[in-house]
């Protein structure tokens, strides 16, 4: 009896290990399929990984404190590879430590905005009726106000605000466009056969939304999230350069602010303004490339590279067999 029990347990453990290995292989194949023939994904992910690693390991990659005066203002050199500001701070250490603040603000704001967008968009699109009317009205009210001027007014009203307040402001003002897109896509999915079948079988609305609808919105939600992160980065930098953020915190926006205050471009200290500007451009461009690559994978009409070459080869073979080539 013990031998039989042990054999059954061993068989179950082997099956569970096999299932785990097969799942891992499926995930790896999906990742490989995402990057294969998709140069924007490769370049974008590489840049983002480099930037994030630089932010995480800033204390290892630089020996200078970003807020400490280390030398007189000087151009990029061997000792200070990105130069020193007019205030005597090392630009290389500032851009690394500043990435932590800027990326955290942008990603958390994007997460807040897309959470609200998904809740409003899916609920409005699936429920319909009075709920859809009221939520659509609520969304349109937010869409009427231009986001960046609204942010500037709110930040100016609150005074010099910290990163937490900026994150919340960006999160609660950046969701309406995403909600509109998600609502329209949900309305298109709502009348599909598998949704109607789930309703006929008596499935609850919460389960239909979580299990049937949301998985079909992953690419749209993730693309909207990346777009919101790009916008949040630009908005944080705009508030920073206008002096509406906390200038005592190290971020790419505060770097631009101090470069403007010290008139770095007029005095020839171009590296103070150029370094954070390039950092913002590279990060925004990398996120845009990833967003573009998601569109190419999720939308067959946009597929390029080997996918298009294979399609053209198959089409040429078919036309040749029919005598059309």
C-alpha atoms as a PDB file:
ATOM      1  CA  UNK A   1       0.000   0.000   0.000  1.00  0.00           C
ATOM      2  CA  UNK A   2       2.827   2.383   0.878  1.00  0.00           C
ATOM      3  CA  UNK A   3       4.585   1.585  -2.398  1.00  0.00           C
ATOM      4  CA  UNK A   4       1.413   2.392  -4.344  1.00  0.00           C
ATOM      5  CA  UNK A   5       0.969   5.689  -2.476  1.00  0.00           C
ATOM      6  CA  UNK A   6       4.597   6.670  -3.086  1.00  0.00           C
ATOM      7  CA  UNK A   7       4.342   5.860  -6.783  1.00  0.00           C
ATOM      8  CA  UNK A   8       1.184   7.950  -7.110  1.00  0.00           C
ATOM      9  CA  UNK A   9       2.864  10.876  -5.330  1.00  0.00           C
ATOM     10  CA  UNK A  10       5.945  10.582  -7.539  1.00  0.00           C
ATOM     11  CA  UNK A  11       3.784  10.503 -10.657  1.00  0.00           C
ATOM     12  CA  UNK A  12       1.868  13.601  -9.504  1.00  0.00           C
ATOM     13  CA  UNK A  13       5.105  15.472  -8.741  1.00  0.00           C
ATOM     14  CA  UNK A  14       6.546  14.549 -12.150  1.00  0.00           C
ATOM     15  CA  UNK A  15       3.374  15.750 -13.866  1.00  0.00           C
ATOM     16  CA  UNK A  16       3.428  19.035 -11.961  1.00  0.00           C
ATOM     17  CA  UNK A  17       7.077  19.590 -12.892  1.00  0.00           C
ATOM     18  CA  UNK A  18       6.271  18.794 -16.531  1.00  0.00           C
ATOM     19  CA  UNK A  19       3.410  21.303 -16.492  1.00  0.00           C
ATOM     20  CA  UNK A  20       5.703  23.985 -15.012  1.00  0.00           C
ATOM     21  CA  UNK A  21       8.358  23.313 -17.670  1.00  0.00           C
ATOM     22  CA  UNK A  22       5.780  23.429 -20.463  1.00  0.00           C
ATOM     23  CA  UNK A  23       4.390  26.732 -19.145  1.00  0.00           C
ATOM     24  CA  UNK A  24       7.903  28.172 -18.975  1.00  0.00           C
ATOM     25  CA  UNK A  25       8.534  27.067 -22.562  1.00  0.00           C
ATOM     26  CA  UNK A  26       5.281  28.669 -23.709  1.00  0.00           C
ATOM     27  CA  UNK A  27       6.242  31.951 -22.025  1.00  0.00           C
ATOM     28  CA  UNK A  28       9.704  31.862 -23.609  1.00  0.00           C
ATOM     29  CA  UNK A  29       8.204  31.130 -27.017  1.00  0.00           C
ATOM     30  CA  UNK A  30       5.818  34.077 -26.650  1.00  0.00           C
ATOM     31  CA  UNK A  31       8.692  36.371 -25.673  1.00  0.00           C
ATOM     32  CA  UNK A  32      10.736  35.117 -28.626  1.00  0.00           C
ATOM     33  CA  UNK A  33       7.762  35.599 -30.933  1.00  0.00           C
ATOM     34  CA  UNK A  34       7.333  39.171 -29.673  1.00  0.00           C
ATOM     35  CA  UNK A  35      10.931  40.131 -30.403  1.00  0.00           C
ATOM     36  CA  UNK A  36      11.365  38.115 -33.623  1.00  0.00           C
ATOM     37  CA  UNK A  37      11.178  40.403 -36.629  1.00  0.00           C
ATOM     38  CA  UNK A  38      10.332  43.346 -34.384  1.00  0.00           C
ATOM     39  CA  UNK A  39      13.298  45.784 -34.281  1.00  0.00           C
ATOM     40  CA  UNK A  40      11.365  48.527 -32.422  1.00  0.00           C
ATOM     41  CA  UNK A  41      10.750  46.111 -29.545  1.00  0.00           C
ATOM     42  CA  UNK A  42      14.417  45.117 -29.372  1.00  0.00           C
ATOM     43  CA  UNK A  43      15.732  48.683 -29.439  1.00  0.00           C
ATOM     44  CA  UNK A  44      13.054  50.057 -27.098  1.00  0.00           C
ATOM     45  CA  UNK A  45      13.412  47.311 -24.484  1.00  0.00           C
ATOM     46  CA  UNK A  46      17.211  47.552 -24.601  1.00  0.00           C
ATOM     47  CA  UNK A  47      17.132  51.309 -23.959  1.00  0.00           C
ATOM     48  CA  UNK A  48      14.580  50.980 -21.151  1.00  0.00           C
ATOM     49  CA  UNK A  49      16.560  48.199 -19.464  1.00  0.00           C
ATOM     50  CA  UNK A  50      19.744  50.302 -19.606  1.00  0.00           C
ATOM     51  CA  UNK A  51      17.975  53.385 -18.204  1.00  0.00           C
ATOM     52  CA  UNK A  52      16.227  51.458 -15.414  1.00  0.00           C
ATOM     53  CA  UNK A  53      19.424  49.644 -14.418  1.00  0.00           C
ATOM     54  CA  UNK A  54      21.264  52.963 -14.351  1.00  0.00           C
ATOM     55  CA  UNK A  55      18.613  54.396 -12.037  1.00  0.00           C
ATOM     56  CA  UNK A  56      18.583  51.358  -9.738  1.00  0.00           C
ATOM     57  CA  UNK A  57      22.373  51.096  -9.435  1.00  0.00           C
ATOM     58  CA  UNK A  58      23.112  54.830  -9.379  1.00  0.00           C
ATOM     59  CA  UNK A  59      24.972  54.549  -6.079  1.00  0.00           C
ATOM     60  CA  UNK A  60      27.273  51.937  -7.637  1.00  0.00           C
ATOM     61  CA  UNK A  61      27.808  53.706 -10.957  1.00  0.00           C
ATOM     62  CA  UNK A  62      28.793  57.067  -9.468  1.00  0.00           C
ATOM     63  CA  UNK A  63      30.773  58.125  -6.425  1.00  0.00           C
ATOM     64  CA  UNK A  64      29.279  61.616  -6.136  1.00  0.00           C
ATOM     65  CA  UNK A  65      26.198  62.709  -4.246  1.00  0.00           C
ATOM     66  CA  UNK A  66      23.844  64.524  -6.646  1.00  0.00           C
ATOM     67  CA  UNK A  67      23.168  67.355  -4.173  1.00  0.00           C
ATOM     68  CA  UNK A  68      26.759  67.898  -3.004  1.00  0.00           C
ATOM     69  CA  UNK A  69      29.110  70.487  -4.489  1.00  0.00           C
ATOM     70  CA  UNK A  70      32.059  68.545  -5.911  1.00  0.00           C
ATOM     71  CA  UNK A  71      33.908  71.034  -8.135  1.00  0.00           C
ATOM     72  CA  UNK A  72      33.646  74.295 -10.002  1.00  0.00           C
ATOM     73  CA  UNK A  73      31.566  74.441 -13.169  1.00  0.00           C
ATOM     74  CA  UNK A  74      33.358  72.649 -15.995  1.00  0.00           C
ATOM     75  CA  UNK A  75      32.625  70.962 -19.296  1.00  0.00           C
ATOM     76  CA  UNK A  76      32.596  67.157 -19.658  1.00  0.00           C
ATOM     77  CA  UNK A  77      35.996  65.696 -18.784  1.00  0.00           C
ATOM     78  CA  UNK A  78      37.605  62.435 -17.745  1.00  0.00           C
ATOM     79  CA  UNK A  79      36.836  63.009 -14.082  1.00  0.00           C
ATOM     80  CA  UNK A  80      33.293  64.318 -14.695  1.00  0.00           C
ATOM     81  CA  UNK A  81      32.155  62.657 -17.900  1.00  0.00           C
ATOM     82  CA  UNK A  82      28.985  64.761 -18.262  1.00  0.00           C
ATOM     83  CA  UNK A  83      30.372  67.931 -16.732  1.00  0.00           C
ATOM     84  CA  UNK A  84      29.651  69.941 -13.585  1.00  0.00           C
ATOM     85  CA  UNK A  85      26.803  72.433 -13.142  1.00  0.00           C
ATOM     86  CA  UNK A  86      27.140  76.098 -12.231  1.00  0.00           C
ATOM     87  CA  UNK A  87      26.219  75.040  -8.693  1.00  0.00           C
ATOM     88  CA  UNK A  88      29.135  72.599  -8.584  1.00  0.00           C
ATOM     89  CA  UNK A  89      27.129  69.359  -8.837  1.00  0.00           C
ATOM     90  CA  UNK A  90      28.115  66.393 -10.952  1.00  0.00           C
ATOM     91  CA  UNK A  91      25.713  66.066 -13.911  1.00  0.00           C
ATOM     92  CA  UNK A  92      26.309  62.319 -14.363  1.00  0.00           C
ATOM     93  CA  UNK A  93      25.246  61.548 -10.789  1.00  0.00           C
ATOM     94  CA  UNK A  94      22.268  63.905 -11.111  1.00  0.00           C
ATOM     95  CA  UNK A  95      20.958  62.277 -14.283  1.00  0.00           C
ATOM     96  CA  UNK A  96      21.227  58.798 -12.717  1.00  0.00           C
ATOM     97  CA  UNK A  97      19.569  59.717  -9.429  1.00  0.00           C
ATOM     98  CA  UNK A  98      17.086  61.956 -11.244  1.00  0.00           C
ATOM     99  CA  UNK A  99      15.948  58.991 -13.309  1.00  0.00           C
ATOM    100  CA  UNK A 100      14.659  57.352 -10.125  1.00  0.00           C
ATOM    101  CA  UNK A 101      12.361  60.262  -9.329  1.00  0.00           C
ATOM    102  CA  UNK A 102      11.192  60.956 -12.880  1.00  0.00           C
ATOM    103  CA  UNK A 103      10.530  57.305 -13.756  1.00  0.00           C
ATOM    104  CA  UNK A 104       8.761  56.600 -10.460  1.00  0.00           C
ATOM    105  CA  UNK A 105       6.486  59.631 -10.920  1.00  0.00           C
ATOM    106  CA  UNK A 106       5.746  58.711 -14.541  1.00  0.00           C
ATOM    107  CA  UNK A 107       5.069  55.004 -14.022  1.00  0.00           C
ATOM    108  CA  UNK A 108       2.958  55.454 -10.879  1.00  0.00           C
ATOM    109  CA  UNK A 109       0.954  58.237 -12.549  1.00  0.00           C
ATOM    110  CA  UNK A 110       0.445  55.997 -15.580  1.00  0.00           C
ATOM    111  CA  UNK A 111      -0.709  53.162 -13.332  1.00  0.00           C
ATOM    112  CA  UNK A 112      -3.207  55.425 -11.533  1.00  0.00           C
ATOM    113  CA  UNK A 113      -4.524  56.867 -14.800  1.00  0.00           C
ATOM    114  CA  UNK A 114      -4.975  53.500 -16.522  1.00  0.00           C
ATOM    115  CA  UNK A 115      -6.612  51.972 -13.437  1.00  0.00           C
ATOM    116  CA  UNK A 116      -9.240  54.722 -13.526  1.00  0.00           C
ATOM    117  CA  UNK A 117      -9.510  54.425 -17.326  1.00  0.00           C
ATOM    118  CA  UNK A 118     -10.095  50.662 -17.177  1.00  0.00           C
ATOM    119  CA  UNK A 119     -12.678  50.952 -14.385  1.00  0.00           C
ATOM    120  CA  UNK A 120     -14.604  53.712 -16.137  1.00  0.00           C
ATOM    121  CA  UNK A 121     -14.206  52.447 -19.703  1.00  0.00           C
ATOM    122  CA  UNK A 122     -15.067  48.785 -19.126  1.00  0.00           C
ATOM    123  CA  UNK A 123     -17.953  49.531 -16.766  1.00  0.00           C
ATOM    124  CA  UNK A 124     -19.402  52.150 -19.096  1.00  0.00           C
ATOM    125  CA  UNK A 125     -18.962  50.058 -22.243  1.00  0.00           C
ATOM    126  CA  UNK A 126     -20.358  46.828 -20.835  1.00  0.00           C
ATOM    127  CA  UNK A 127     -23.151  48.061 -18.581  1.00  0.00           C
ATOM    128  CA  UNK A 128     -24.667  50.582 -20.994  1.00  0.00           C
ATOM    129  CA  UNK A 129     -27.866  52.442 -20.187  1.00  0.00           C
ATOM    130  CA  UNK A 130     -27.864  55.135 -17.505  1.00  0.00           C
ATOM    131  CA  UNK A 131     -24.489  54.013 -16.155  1.00  0.00           C
ATOM    132  CA  UNK A 132     -22.929  54.548 -19.581  1.00  0.00           C
ATOM    133  CA  UNK A 133     -24.603  57.955 -19.944  1.00  0.00           C
ATOM    134  CA  UNK A 134     -23.393  59.242 -16.581  1.00  0.00           C
ATOM    135  CA  UNK A 135     -19.857  57.860 -16.936  1.00  0.00           C
ATOM    136  CA  UNK A 136     -19.621  59.181 -20.492  1.00  0.00           C
ATOM    137  CA  UNK A 137     -20.741  62.611 -19.262  1.00  0.00           C
ATOM    138  CA  UNK A 138     -18.163  62.440 -16.448  1.00  0.00           C
ATOM    139  CA  UNK A 139     -15.443  61.533 -18.956  1.00  0.00           C
ATOM    140  CA  UNK A 140     -16.430  64.333 -21.339  1.00  0.00           C
ATOM    141  CA  UNK A 141     -16.227  66.859 -18.513  1.00  0.00           C
ATOM    142  CA  UNK A 142     -12.597  65.888 -17.926  1.00  0.00           C
ATOM    143  CA  UNK A 143     -11.887  65.909 -21.664  1.00  0.00           C
ATOM    144  CA  UNK A 144     -13.088  69.508 -21.987  1.00  0.00           C
ATOM    145  CA  UNK A 145     -10.225  70.816 -19.862  1.00  0.00           C
ATOM    146  CA  UNK A 146      -6.758  70.796 -21.481  1.00  0.00           C
ATOM    147  CA  UNK A 147      -4.552  68.625 -19.306  1.00  0.00           C
ATOM    148  CA  UNK A 148      -1.262  70.513 -19.170  1.00  0.00           C
ATOM    149  CA  UNK A 149      -2.760  73.987 -18.517  1.00  0.00           C
ATOM    150  CA  UNK A 150      -4.994  72.398 -15.862  1.00  0.00           C
ATOM    151  CA  UNK A 151      -1.920  70.861 -14.230  1.00  0.00           C
ATOM    152  CA  UNK A 152      -0.095  74.188 -14.288  1.00  0.00           C
ATOM    153  CA  UNK A 153      -3.059  75.977 -12.692  1.00  0.00           C
ATOM    154  CA  UNK A 154      -3.450  73.318  -9.977  1.00  0.00           C
ATOM    155  CA  UNK A 155       0.278  73.245  -9.229  1.00  0.00           C
ATOM    156  CA  UNK A 156       0.431  77.057  -9.098  1.00  0.00           C
ATOM    157  CA  UNK A 157      -2.609  77.123  -6.777  1.00  0.00           C
ATOM    158  CA  UNK A 158      -1.054  74.544  -4.437  1.00  0.00           C
ATOM    159  CA  UNK A 159       2.340  76.239  -4.491  1.00  0.00           C
ATOM    160  CA  UNK A 160       5.653  74.418  -4.906  1.00  0.00           C
ATOM    161  CA  UNK A 161       4.533  70.788  -4.742  1.00  0.00           C
ATOM    162  CA  UNK A 162       6.454  67.569  -4.128  1.00  0.00           C
ATOM    163  CA  UNK A 163       6.662  64.439  -6.222  1.00  0.00           C
ATOM    164  CA  UNK A 164       3.705  62.776  -4.463  1.00  0.00           C
ATOM    165  CA  UNK A 165       1.326  65.619  -5.305  1.00  0.00           C
ATOM    166  CA  UNK A 166       2.596  65.770  -8.901  1.00  0.00           C
ATOM    167  CA  UNK A 167       2.062  62.020  -9.263  1.00  0.00           C
ATOM    168  CA  UNK A 168      -1.521  62.241  -7.981  1.00  0.00           C
ATOM    169  CA  UNK A 169      -2.293  65.261 -10.175  1.00  0.00           C
ATOM    170  CA  UNK A 170      -0.939  63.509 -13.256  1.00  0.00           C
ATOM    171  CA  UNK A 171      -2.794  60.298 -12.436  1.00  0.00           C
ATOM    172  CA  UNK A 172      -6.222  61.862 -11.907  1.00  0.00           C
ATOM    173  CA  UNK A 173      -6.042  64.114 -14.978  1.00  0.00           C
ATOM    174  CA  UNK A 174      -4.598  61.702 -17.580  1.00  0.00           C
ATOM    175  CA  UNK A 175      -7.252  58.955 -17.733  1.00  0.00           C
ATOM    176  CA  UNK A 176     -10.110  60.294 -19.985  1.00  0.00           C
ATOM    177  CA  UNK A 177      -8.632  59.464 -23.414  1.00  0.00           C
ATOM    178  CA  UNK A 178      -7.771  55.949 -22.331  1.00  0.00           C
ATOM    179  CA  UNK A 179     -11.270  55.509 -20.902  1.00  0.00           C
ATOM    180  CA  UNK A 180     -12.849  56.533 -24.215  1.00  0.00           C
ATOM    181  CA  UNK A 181     -10.750  54.049 -26.196  1.00  0.00           C
ATOM    182  CA  UNK A 182     -11.412  51.211 -23.733  1.00  0.00           C
ATOM    183  CA  UNK A 183     -15.143  52.021 -23.696  1.00  0.00           C
ATOM    184  CA  UNK A 184     -15.414  51.828 -27.489  1.00  0.00           C
ATOM    185  CA  UNK A 185     -13.489  48.549 -27.611  1.00  0.00           C
ATOM    186  CA  UNK A 186     -15.612  47.091 -24.810  1.00  0.00           C
ATOM    187  CA  UNK A 187     -18.784  48.026 -26.678  1.00  0.00           C
ATOM    188  CA  UNK A 188     -17.433  46.176 -29.732  1.00  0.00           C
ATOM    189  CA  UNK A 189     -16.610  43.070 -27.669  1.00  0.00           C
ATOM    190  CA  UNK A 190     -19.890  43.145 -25.722  1.00  0.00           C
ATOM    191  CA  UNK A 191     -21.897  41.751 -28.652  1.00  0.00           C
ATOM    192  CA  UNK A 192     -19.496  38.907 -29.477  1.00  0.00           C
ATOM    193  CA  UNK A 193     -20.729  35.315 -29.320  1.00  0.00           C
ATOM    194  CA  UNK A 194     -18.586  34.261 -26.351  1.00  0.00           C
ATOM    195  CA  UNK A 195     -19.924  37.152 -24.246  1.00  0.00           C
ATOM    196  CA  UNK A 196     -23.523  36.326 -25.124  1.00  0.00           C
ATOM    197  CA  UNK A 197     -22.871  32.646 -24.340  1.00  0.00           C
ATOM    198  CA  UNK A 198     -21.441  33.535 -20.933  1.00  0.00           C
ATOM    199  CA  UNK A 199     -24.486  35.681 -20.166  1.00  0.00           C
ATOM    200  CA  UNK A 200     -26.883  32.910 -21.251  1.00  0.00           C
ATOM    201  CA  UNK A 201     -25.032  30.454 -18.985  1.00  0.00           C
ATOM    202  CA  UNK A 202     -25.699  32.755 -16.030  1.00  0.00           C
ATOM    203  CA  UNK A 203     -22.159  34.032 -15.452  1.00  0.00           C
ATOM    204  CA  UNK A 204     -21.948  37.084 -13.206  1.00  0.00           C
ATOM    205  CA  UNK A 205     -21.122  40.448 -14.732  1.00  0.00           C
ATOM    206  CA  UNK A 206     -17.934  40.735 -12.660  1.00  0.00           C
ATOM    207  CA  UNK A 207     -16.678  37.379 -13.942  1.00  0.00           C
ATOM    208  CA  UNK A 208     -17.532  38.276 -17.540  1.00  0.00           C
ATOM    209  CA  UNK A 209     -15.622  41.541 -17.228  1.00  0.00           C
ATOM    210  CA  UNK A 210     -12.580  39.985 -15.525  1.00  0.00           C
ATOM    211  CA  UNK A 211     -12.360  36.702 -17.460  1.00  0.00           C
ATOM    212  CA  UNK A 212     -13.923  37.403 -20.856  1.00  0.00           C
ATOM    213  CA  UNK A 213     -13.454  41.116 -21.605  1.00  0.00           C
ATOM    214  CA  UNK A 214     -10.260  42.308 -19.900  1.00  0.00           C
ATOM    215  CA  UNK A 215      -7.944  39.689 -21.503  1.00  0.00           C
ATOM    216  CA  UNK A 216      -9.021  41.022 -24.913  1.00  0.00           C
ATOM    217  CA  UNK A 217      -8.047  44.551 -23.892  1.00  0.00           C
ATOM    218  CA  UNK A 218      -4.495  43.833 -22.725  1.00  0.00           C
ATOM    219  CA  UNK A 219      -2.731  45.341 -25.747  1.00  0.00           C
ATOM    220  CA  UNK A 220      -4.926  48.472 -25.686  1.00  0.00           C
ATOM    221  CA  UNK A 221      -4.494  48.936 -21.931  1.00  0.00           C
ATOM    222  CA  UNK A 222      -0.731  48.436 -22.063  1.00  0.00           C
ATOM    223  CA  UNK A 223      -0.391  50.755 -25.043  1.00  0.00           C
ATOM    224  CA  UNK A 224      -2.434  53.396 -23.235  1.00  0.00           C
ATOM    225  CA  UNK A 225      -0.291  52.923 -20.138  1.00  0.00           C
ATOM    226  CA  UNK A 226       2.907  53.566 -22.091  1.00  0.00           C
ATOM    227  CA  UNK A 227       1.378  56.613 -23.750  1.00  0.00           C
ATOM    228  CA  UNK A 228       0.352  57.977 -20.350  1.00  0.00           C
ATOM    229  CA  UNK A 229       3.858  57.377 -18.975  1.00  0.00           C
ATOM    230  CA  UNK A 230       5.365  59.342 -21.879  1.00  0.00           C
ATOM    231  CA  UNK A 231       2.922  62.194 -21.281  1.00  0.00           C
ATOM    232  CA  UNK A 232       3.612  62.134 -17.514  1.00  0.00           C
ATOM    233  CA  UNK A 233       7.351  62.415 -18.131  1.00  0.00           C
ATOM    234  CA  UNK A 234       6.847  65.460 -20.317  1.00  0.00           C
ATOM    235  CA  UNK A 235       4.388  67.016 -17.868  1.00  0.00           C
ATOM    236  CA  UNK A 236       6.722  66.453 -14.898  1.00  0.00           C
ATOM    237  CA  UNK A 237       9.556  68.091 -16.823  1.00  0.00           C
ATOM    238  CA  UNK A 238       7.270  70.993 -17.818  1.00  0.00           C
ATOM    239  CA  UNK A 239       6.187  71.600 -14.223  1.00  0.00           C
ATOM    240  CA  UNK A 240       9.792  71.328 -13.101  1.00  0.00           C
ATOM    241  CA  UNK A 241      11.184  73.797 -15.624  1.00  0.00           C
ATOM    242  CA  UNK A 242       8.430  76.284 -14.700  1.00  0.00           C
ATOM    243  CA  UNK A 243       9.491  76.039 -11.051  1.00  0.00           C
ATOM    244  CA  UNK A 244       6.197  74.478  -9.918  1.00  0.00           C
ATOM    245  CA  UNK A 245       7.843  71.287  -8.657  1.00  0.00           C
ATOM    246  CA  UNK A 246      10.116  70.751  -5.689  1.00  0.00           C
ATOM    247  CA  UNK A 247      13.485  72.108  -6.797  1.00  0.00           C
ATOM    248  CA  UNK A 248      15.217  70.471  -3.819  1.00  0.00           C
ATOM    249  CA  UNK A 249      14.484  66.989  -5.230  1.00  0.00           C
ATOM    250  CA  UNK A 250      16.720  65.552  -7.922  1.00  0.00           C
ATOM    251  CA  UNK A 251      14.765  64.811 -11.070  1.00  0.00           C
ATOM    252  CA  UNK A 252      15.164  65.533 -14.751  1.00  0.00           C
ATOM    253  CA  UNK A 253      12.606  68.313 -14.403  1.00  0.00           C
ATOM    254  CA  UNK A 254      14.505  69.986 -11.550  1.00  0.00           C
ATOM    255  CA  UNK A 255      17.746  69.663 -13.542  1.00  0.00           C
ATOM    256  CA  UNK A 256      16.104  71.602 -16.381  1.00  0.00           C
ATOM    257  CA  UNK A 257      14.845  74.167 -13.871  1.00  0.00           C
ATOM    258  CA  UNK A 258      18.289  74.854 -12.400  1.00  0.00           C
ATOM    259  CA  UNK A 259      19.820  74.943 -15.890  1.00  0.00           C
ATOM    260  CA  UNK A 260      17.272  77.589 -16.849  1.00  0.00           C
ATOM    261  CA  UNK A 261      17.770  79.588 -13.633  1.00  0.00           C
ATOM    262  CA  UNK A 262      21.540  79.652 -14.119  1.00  0.00           C
ATOM    263  CA  UNK A 263      21.141  80.627 -17.819  1.00  0.00           C
ATOM    264  CA  UNK A 264      23.309  77.686 -18.812  1.00  0.00           C
ATOM    265  CA  UNK A 265      22.745  78.043 -22.554  1.00  0.00           C
ATOM    266  CA  UNK A 266      23.619  81.755 -22.520  1.00  0.00           C
ATOM    267  CA  UNK A 267      26.805  81.175 -20.522  1.00  0.00           C
ATOM    268  CA  UNK A 268      27.989  78.246 -22.654  1.00  0.00           C
ATOM    269  CA  UNK A 269      27.251  75.523 -20.091  1.00  0.00           C
ATOM    270  CA  UNK A 270      25.225  73.584 -22.667  1.00  0.00           C
ATOM    271  CA  UNK A 271      25.683  70.232 -20.872  1.00  0.00           C
ATOM    272  CA  UNK A 272      23.426  71.311 -17.989  1.00  0.00           C
ATOM    273  CA  UNK A 273      20.416  71.625 -20.305  1.00  0.00           C
ATOM    274  CA  UNK A 274      21.345  69.049 -22.936  1.00  0.00           C
ATOM    275  CA  UNK A 275      21.916  66.004 -20.682  1.00  0.00           C
ATOM    276  CA  UNK A 276      18.465  65.891 -18.997  1.00  0.00           C
ATOM    277  CA  UNK A 277      16.806  66.803 -22.302  1.00  0.00           C
ATOM    278  CA  UNK A 278      18.512  63.874 -24.054  1.00  0.00           C
ATOM    279  CA  UNK A 279      17.605  61.567 -21.156  1.00  0.00           C
ATOM    280  CA  UNK A 280      13.937  62.534 -21.514  1.00  0.00           C
ATOM    281  CA  UNK A 281      14.049  62.131 -25.290  1.00  0.00           C
ATOM    282  CA  UNK A 282      15.718  58.702 -25.125  1.00  0.00           C
ATOM    283  CA  UNK A 283      13.302  57.381 -22.501  1.00  0.00           C
ATOM    284  CA  UNK A 284      10.252  58.731 -24.289  1.00  0.00           C
ATOM    285  CA  UNK A 285      11.519  57.385 -27.614  1.00  0.00           C
ATOM    286  CA  UNK A 286      12.182  53.953 -26.118  1.00  0.00           C
ATOM    287  CA  UNK A 287       8.664  53.770 -24.666  1.00  0.00           C
ATOM    288  CA  UNK A 288       7.226  54.918 -28.007  1.00  0.00           C
ATOM    289  CA  UNK A 289       9.150  52.146 -29.806  1.00  0.00           C
ATOM    290  CA  UNK A 290       7.760  49.542 -27.396  1.00  0.00           C
ATOM    291  CA  UNK A 291       4.263  50.936 -27.940  1.00  0.00           C
ATOM    292  CA  UNK A 292       4.782  50.732 -31.701  1.00  0.00           C
ATOM    293  CA  UNK A 293       6.008  47.154 -31.429  1.00  0.00           C
ATOM    294  CA  UNK A 294       2.889  46.172 -29.464  1.00  0.00           C
ATOM    295  CA  UNK A 295       0.754  47.622 -32.257  1.00  0.00           C
ATOM    296  CA  UNK A 296       2.685  45.602 -34.833  1.00  0.00           C
ATOM    297  CA  UNK A 297       2.169  42.374 -32.905  1.00  0.00           C
ATOM    298  CA  UNK A 298      -1.501  42.901 -31.989  1.00  0.00           C
ATOM    299  CA  UNK A 299      -2.557  44.384 -35.347  1.00  0.00           C
ATOM    300  CA  UNK A 300      -1.820  42.065 -38.318  1.00  0.00           C
ATOM    301  CA  UNK A 301      -2.138  44.983 -40.748  1.00  0.00           C
ATOM    302  CA  UNK A 302       0.948  46.595 -39.214  1.00  0.00           C
ATOM    303  CA  UNK A 303       3.210  43.540 -39.162  1.00  0.00           C
ATOM    304  CA  UNK A 304       6.554  44.079 -40.871  1.00  0.00           C
ATOM    305  CA  UNK A 305       9.928  42.418 -41.190  1.00  0.00           C
ATOM    306  CA  UNK A 306      10.045  38.621 -41.655  1.00  0.00           C
ATOM    307  CA  UNK A 307       6.250  38.422 -41.284  1.00  0.00           C
ATOM    308  CA  UNK A 308       5.729  40.609 -44.346  1.00  0.00           C
ATOM    309  CA  UNK A 309       8.477  38.804 -46.287  1.00  0.00           C
ATOM    310  CA  UNK A 310       6.862  35.443 -45.527  1.00  0.00           C
ATOM    311  CA  UNK A 311       3.458  36.743 -46.590  1.00  0.00           C
ATOM    312  CA  UNK A 312       4.863  38.084 -49.868  1.00  0.00           C
ATOM    313  CA  UNK A 313       6.613  34.758 -50.530  1.00  0.00           C
ATOM    314  CA  UNK A 314       3.412  32.781 -49.930  1.00  0.00           C
ATOM    315  CA  UNK A 315       1.430  35.181 -52.104  1.00  0.00           C
ATOM    316  CA  UNK A 316       3.960  34.889 -54.933  1.00  0.00           C
ATOM    317  CA  UNK A 317       3.853  31.062 -54.699  1.00  0.00           C
ATOM    318  CA  UNK A 318       0.024  31.066 -54.765  1.00  0.00           C
ATOM    319  CA  UNK A 319      -0.133  33.456 -57.714  1.00  0.00           C
ATOM    320  CA  UNK A 320       2.437  31.388 -59.584  1.00  0.00           C
ATOM    321  CA  UNK A 321       0.450  28.164 -59.041  1.00  0.00           C
ATOM    322  CA  UNK A 322      -2.654  29.884 -60.368  1.00  0.00           C
ATOM    323  CA  UNK A 323      -0.788  31.211 -63.373  1.00  0.00           C
ATOM    324  CA  UNK A 324      -1.189  34.834 -62.290  1.00  0.00           C
ATOM    325  CA  UNK A 325       2.500  35.572 -61.727  1.00  0.00           C
END
